[in-house]
């Protein structure tokens, strides 16, 4: 997924800002409120997880522990 979002066609800065980066930053702020007292499960599209502005990196930068789930 990271390869796809980093292609020239997708990486037009405006598209990436609107579709991923800005949404991720907004979600992190909302998730911080939701997660204040309890752990939560959050499901999003794969494109929102990768890169320096992905949800995983943004949440870890805020001090949260983020882990994936295995499908067994």
C-alpha atoms as a PDB file:
ATOM      1  CA  UNK A   1       0.000   0.000   0.000  1.00  0.00           C
ATOM      2  CA  UNK A   2       2.841   2.365   0.799  1.00  0.00           C
ATOM      3  CA  UNK A   3       4.191   1.880  -2.745  1.00  0.00           C
ATOM      4  CA  UNK A   4       0.805   2.844  -4.192  1.00  0.00           C
ATOM      5  CA  UNK A   5       0.374   6.000  -2.140  1.00  0.00           C
ATOM      6  CA  UNK A   6       3.904   7.064  -3.051  1.00  0.00           C
ATOM      7  CA  UNK A   7       3.375   6.824  -6.830  1.00  0.00           C
ATOM      8  CA  UNK A   8       3.594  10.092  -8.791  1.00  0.00           C
ATOM      9  CA  UNK A   9      -0.091   9.885  -9.739  1.00  0.00           C
ATOM     10  CA  UNK A  10      -1.239   9.653  -6.141  1.00  0.00           C
ATOM     11  CA  UNK A  11       1.458  11.730  -4.525  1.00  0.00           C
ATOM     12  CA  UNK A  12       0.232  15.024  -5.872  1.00  0.00           C
ATOM     13  CA  UNK A  13       0.542  16.894  -2.588  1.00  0.00           C
ATOM     14  CA  UNK A  14      -3.017  18.212  -2.630  1.00  0.00           C
ATOM     15  CA  UNK A  15      -4.507  14.738  -3.129  1.00  0.00           C
ATOM     16  CA  UNK A  16      -2.432  13.160  -0.405  1.00  0.00           C
ATOM     17  CA  UNK A  17      -3.172  16.006   2.022  1.00  0.00           C
ATOM     18  CA  UNK A  18      -6.927  15.812   1.431  1.00  0.00           C
ATOM     19  CA  UNK A  19      -7.321  12.034   1.221  1.00  0.00           C
ATOM     20  CA  UNK A  20      -4.875  10.907   3.872  1.00  0.00           C
ATOM     21  CA  UNK A  21      -2.746  13.324   5.859  1.00  0.00           C
ATOM     22  CA  UNK A  22      -5.402  15.811   6.980  1.00  0.00           C
ATOM     23  CA  UNK A  23      -7.908  13.061   7.733  1.00  0.00           C
ATOM     24  CA  UNK A  24      -5.319  11.127   9.735  1.00  0.00           C
ATOM     25  CA  UNK A  25      -4.415  14.164  11.826  1.00  0.00           C
ATOM     26  CA  UNK A  26      -8.099  14.845  12.519  1.00  0.00           C
ATOM     27  CA  UNK A  27      -8.713  11.214  13.430  1.00  0.00           C
ATOM     28  CA  UNK A  28      -5.780  11.183  15.857  1.00  0.00           C
ATOM     29  CA  UNK A  29      -7.249  14.149  17.722  1.00  0.00           C
ATOM     30  CA  UNK A  30     -10.630  12.393  17.920  1.00  0.00           C
ATOM     31  CA  UNK A  31      -9.065   9.076  18.918  1.00  0.00           C
ATOM     32  CA  UNK A  32      -7.137  10.733  21.751  1.00  0.00           C
ATOM     33  CA  UNK A  33     -10.459  11.758  23.309  1.00  0.00           C
ATOM     34  CA  UNK A  34     -12.038   8.338  22.755  1.00  0.00           C
ATOM     35  CA  UNK A  35      -9.003   6.461  24.111  1.00  0.00           C
ATOM     36  CA  UNK A  36      -8.587   8.536  27.261  1.00  0.00           C
ATOM     37  CA  UNK A  37      -9.945   5.836  29.559  1.00  0.00           C
ATOM     38  CA  UNK A  38     -10.123   2.650  27.513  1.00  0.00           C
ATOM     39  CA  UNK A  39      -8.218   0.820  24.804  1.00  0.00           C
ATOM     40  CA  UNK A  40     -10.084   0.693  21.506  1.00  0.00           C
ATOM     41  CA  UNK A  41     -10.082  -1.260  18.261  1.00  0.00           C
ATOM     42  CA  UNK A  42      -9.954   0.997  15.212  1.00  0.00           C
ATOM     43  CA  UNK A  43     -10.325  -0.243  11.629  1.00  0.00           C
ATOM     44  CA  UNK A  44      -9.347   1.968   8.694  1.00  0.00           C
ATOM     45  CA  UNK A  45      -8.288   1.558   5.094  1.00  0.00           C
ATOM     46  CA  UNK A  46      -4.695   0.400   4.622  1.00  0.00           C
ATOM     47  CA  UNK A  47      -3.598   3.698   3.069  1.00  0.00           C
ATOM     48  CA  UNK A  48      -4.222   5.441   6.382  1.00  0.00           C
ATOM     49  CA  UNK A  49      -1.699   3.262   8.212  1.00  0.00           C
ATOM     50  CA  UNK A  50       1.564   3.768   6.322  1.00  0.00           C
ATOM     51  CA  UNK A  51       4.153   6.514   6.203  1.00  0.00           C
ATOM     52  CA  UNK A  52       5.245   9.345   8.462  1.00  0.00           C
ATOM     53  CA  UNK A  53       1.721  10.815   8.451  1.00  0.00           C
ATOM     54  CA  UNK A  54      -0.012   7.451   8.823  1.00  0.00           C
ATOM     55  CA  UNK A  55      -2.137   6.718  11.868  1.00  0.00           C
ATOM     56  CA  UNK A  56       0.412   4.295  13.312  1.00  0.00           C
ATOM     57  CA  UNK A  57       3.246   6.848  13.256  1.00  0.00           C
ATOM     58  CA  UNK A  58       1.039   9.698  14.456  1.00  0.00           C
ATOM     59  CA  UNK A  59      -0.356   7.716  17.390  1.00  0.00           C
ATOM     60  CA  UNK A  60       3.069   6.406  18.399  1.00  0.00           C
ATOM     61  CA  UNK A  61       4.406   9.981  18.298  1.00  0.00           C
ATOM     62  CA  UNK A  62       1.678  10.859  20.823  1.00  0.00           C
ATOM     63  CA  UNK A  63       2.926   8.063  23.096  1.00  0.00           C
ATOM     64  CA  UNK A  64       0.321   5.405  22.306  1.00  0.00           C
ATOM     65  CA  UNK A  65       1.098   1.725  21.864  1.00  0.00           C
ATOM     66  CA  UNK A  66      -0.158   0.553  18.489  1.00  0.00           C
ATOM     67  CA  UNK A  67      -0.205  -3.098  17.529  1.00  0.00           C
ATOM     68  CA  UNK A  68      -1.664  -5.143  14.736  1.00  0.00           C
ATOM     69  CA  UNK A  69      -3.909  -8.150  15.043  1.00  0.00           C
ATOM     70  CA  UNK A  70      -3.144 -11.544  13.581  1.00  0.00           C
ATOM     71  CA  UNK A  71      -5.818 -13.329  11.619  1.00  0.00           C
ATOM     72  CA  UNK A  72      -5.628 -16.957  12.711  1.00  0.00           C
END
